[in-house]
Amino acid sequence: QVQLVESGGGLVQAGGSLRLSCAASGISFSIYDIDWYRQAPGKQRELVATIRRGGSTSYADSAKGRFTISRDNAKKMAYLQMNSLKPEDTAVYYCRGTYALSSSFWGQGTQVTVSS
């Protein structure tokens, strides 16, 4: 059974940091590209960051310079380090694993709330 489980969300003051984790099971993690998405109330889900199976990364403009995506294939884990958090970063954060455009799995999400 494939599972992606996010953790690490919570309530933090503006300017603070959080580290989100995504634990994978039931997949050959190393061959998957991993994305972090977020969805704020009343808004569409948006892509925040991607780390490809080869290790290259990309970020949404809103995340550049503040967020860092990483992975540990041996542990089947992906991470999103979020620094200098802003109230507008408040959202449910999801990880997604994708392989070859034909296999895609989502986690259940973790809530991040940034207070001003």
Protein backbone atom coordinates (compact mmCIF):
# COMPACT_ATOMS: atom_id res chain seq x y z
CA GLN A 1 0.00 0.00 0.00
CA VAL A 2 1.38 3.36 -1.07
CA GLN A 3 1.45 6.06 1.55
CA LEU A 4 2.83 9.56 1.76
CA VAL A 5 2.53 11.05 5.23
CA GLU A 6 3.31 14.67 5.94
CA SER A 7 4.26 16.02 9.34
CA GLY A 8 5.88 19.05 10.91
CA GLY A 9 3.16 21.62 10.43
CA GLY A 10 1.97 23.88 13.20
CA LEU A 11 1.50 27.42 14.38
CA VAL A 12 4.45 29.79 14.09
CA GLN A 13 4.92 33.54 14.27
CA ALA A 14 5.84 35.54 11.22
CA GLY A 15 9.55 35.35 10.62
CA GLY A 16 9.79 31.89 12.14
CA SER A 17 10.70 28.57 10.61
CA LEU A 18 9.19 25.15 10.17
CA ARG A 19 10.49 21.94 8.66
CA LEU A 20 7.93 19.75 6.97
CA SER A 21 8.59 16.07 6.41
CA CYS A 22 7.08 13.63 3.95
CA ALA A 23 7.50 9.94 4.74
CA ALA A 24 6.93 7.51 1.89
CA SER A 25 6.16 3.83 1.97
CA GLY A 26 5.11 1.29 -0.62
CA ILE A 27 6.99 2.94 -3.48
CA SER A 28 10.48 2.91 -4.91
CA PHE A 29 11.02 6.38 -3.53
CA SER A 30 14.27 7.17 -5.31
CA ILE A 31 12.69 7.08 -8.77
CA TYR A 32 9.94 9.53 -7.89
CA ASP A 33 9.94 13.27 -8.32
CA ILE A 34 8.64 14.88 -5.12
CA ASP A 35 6.59 18.04 -5.03
CA TRP A 36 5.36 20.16 -2.19
CA TYR A 37 2.05 21.89 -2.83
CA ARG A 38 -0.06 24.12 -0.63
CA GLN A 39 -3.68 25.16 -0.53
CA ALA A 40 -4.94 28.15 1.35
CA PRO A 41 -8.64 28.53 2.22
CA GLY A 42 -10.61 29.59 -0.83
CA LYS A 43 -7.62 29.26 -3.14
CA GLN A 44 -6.40 26.72 -5.64
CA ARG A 45 -3.70 24.28 -4.73
CA GLU A 46 -0.35 25.64 -5.87
CA LEU A 47 3.05 24.11 -6.46
CA VAL A 48 5.65 25.33 -4.00
CA ALA A 49 8.76 23.28 -4.73
CA THR A 50 9.97 20.21 -6.61
CA ILE A 51 12.92 17.91 -6.19
CA ARG A 52 13.45 15.51 -9.03
CA ARG A 53 14.82 12.03 -8.71
CA GLY A 54 18.17 13.27 -9.93
CA GLY A 55 18.26 15.89 -7.19
CA SER A 56 17.56 19.03 -9.18
CA THR A 57 15.18 21.47 -7.55
CA SER A 58 12.81 24.23 -8.55
CA TYR A 59 10.71 26.69 -6.58
CA ALA A 60 7.73 28.94 -6.97
CA ASP A 61 8.67 32.59 -6.91
CA SER A 62 6.97 32.92 -3.52
CA ALA A 63 9.30 30.26 -2.08
CA LYS A 64 12.61 31.24 -3.62
CA GLY A 65 15.20 32.28 -1.09
CA ARG A 66 13.07 31.20 1.86
CA PHE A 67 12.21 27.53 1.33
CA THR A 68 14.52 24.60 0.68
CA ILE A 69 13.37 21.21 -0.56
CA SER A 70 15.50 18.14 0.03
CA ARG A 71 15.25 14.37 0.07
CA ASP A 72 16.86 11.36 1.70
CA ASN A 73 16.30 8.37 -0.54
CA ALA A 74 17.71 5.91 1.98
CA LYS A 75 15.09 6.99 4.51
CA LYS A 76 12.37 7.50 1.89
CA MET A 77 11.87 11.01 3.19
CA ALA A 78 11.43 14.42 1.65
CA TYR A 79 11.61 17.72 3.49
CA LEU A 80 10.61 21.32 3.07
CA GLN A 81 12.56 23.75 5.23
CA MET A 82 10.61 26.97 5.46
CA ASN A 83 12.29 30.09 6.82
CA SER A 84 11.16 33.70 7.16
CA LEU A 85 7.56 32.57 7.16
CA LYS A 86 4.84 35.07 6.33
CA PRO A 87 1.12 35.05 7.14
CA GLU A 88 0.45 34.43 3.45
CA ASP A 89 2.27 31.11 3.77
CA THR A 90 -0.64 29.85 5.85
CA ALA A 91 -2.07 26.80 4.09
CA VAL A 92 -2.36 23.06 4.13
CA TYR A 93 0.87 21.65 2.70
CA TYR A 94 0.85 18.45 0.70
CA CYS A 95 3.58 16.28 -0.72
CA ARG A 96 3.15 14.42 -3.97
CA GLY A 97 5.22 11.70 -5.54
CA THR A 98 5.19 11.36 -9.32
CA TYR A 99 6.85 8.89 -11.64
CA ALA A 100 6.81 9.06 -15.41
CA LEU A 101 3.56 11.07 -15.47
CA SER A 102 1.65 7.84 -14.95
CA SER A 103 1.99 7.22 -11.25
CA SER A 104 1.15 9.93 -8.74
CA PHE A 105 0.38 9.82 -5.04
CA TRP A 106 -0.64 12.49 -2.55
CA GLY A 107 -0.30 12.76 1.17
CA GLN A 108 -3.09 13.87 3.45
CA GLY A 109 -1.58 17.28 4.18
CA THR A 110 -0.27 19.16 7.18
CA GLN A 111 -1.55 22.53 8.36
CA VAL A 112 0.83 25.47 8.56
CA THR A 113 -0.44 28.61 10.23
CA VAL A 114 1.67 31.75 10.39
CA SER A 115 0.49 34.45 12.75
CA SER A 116 1.29 38.11 12.25
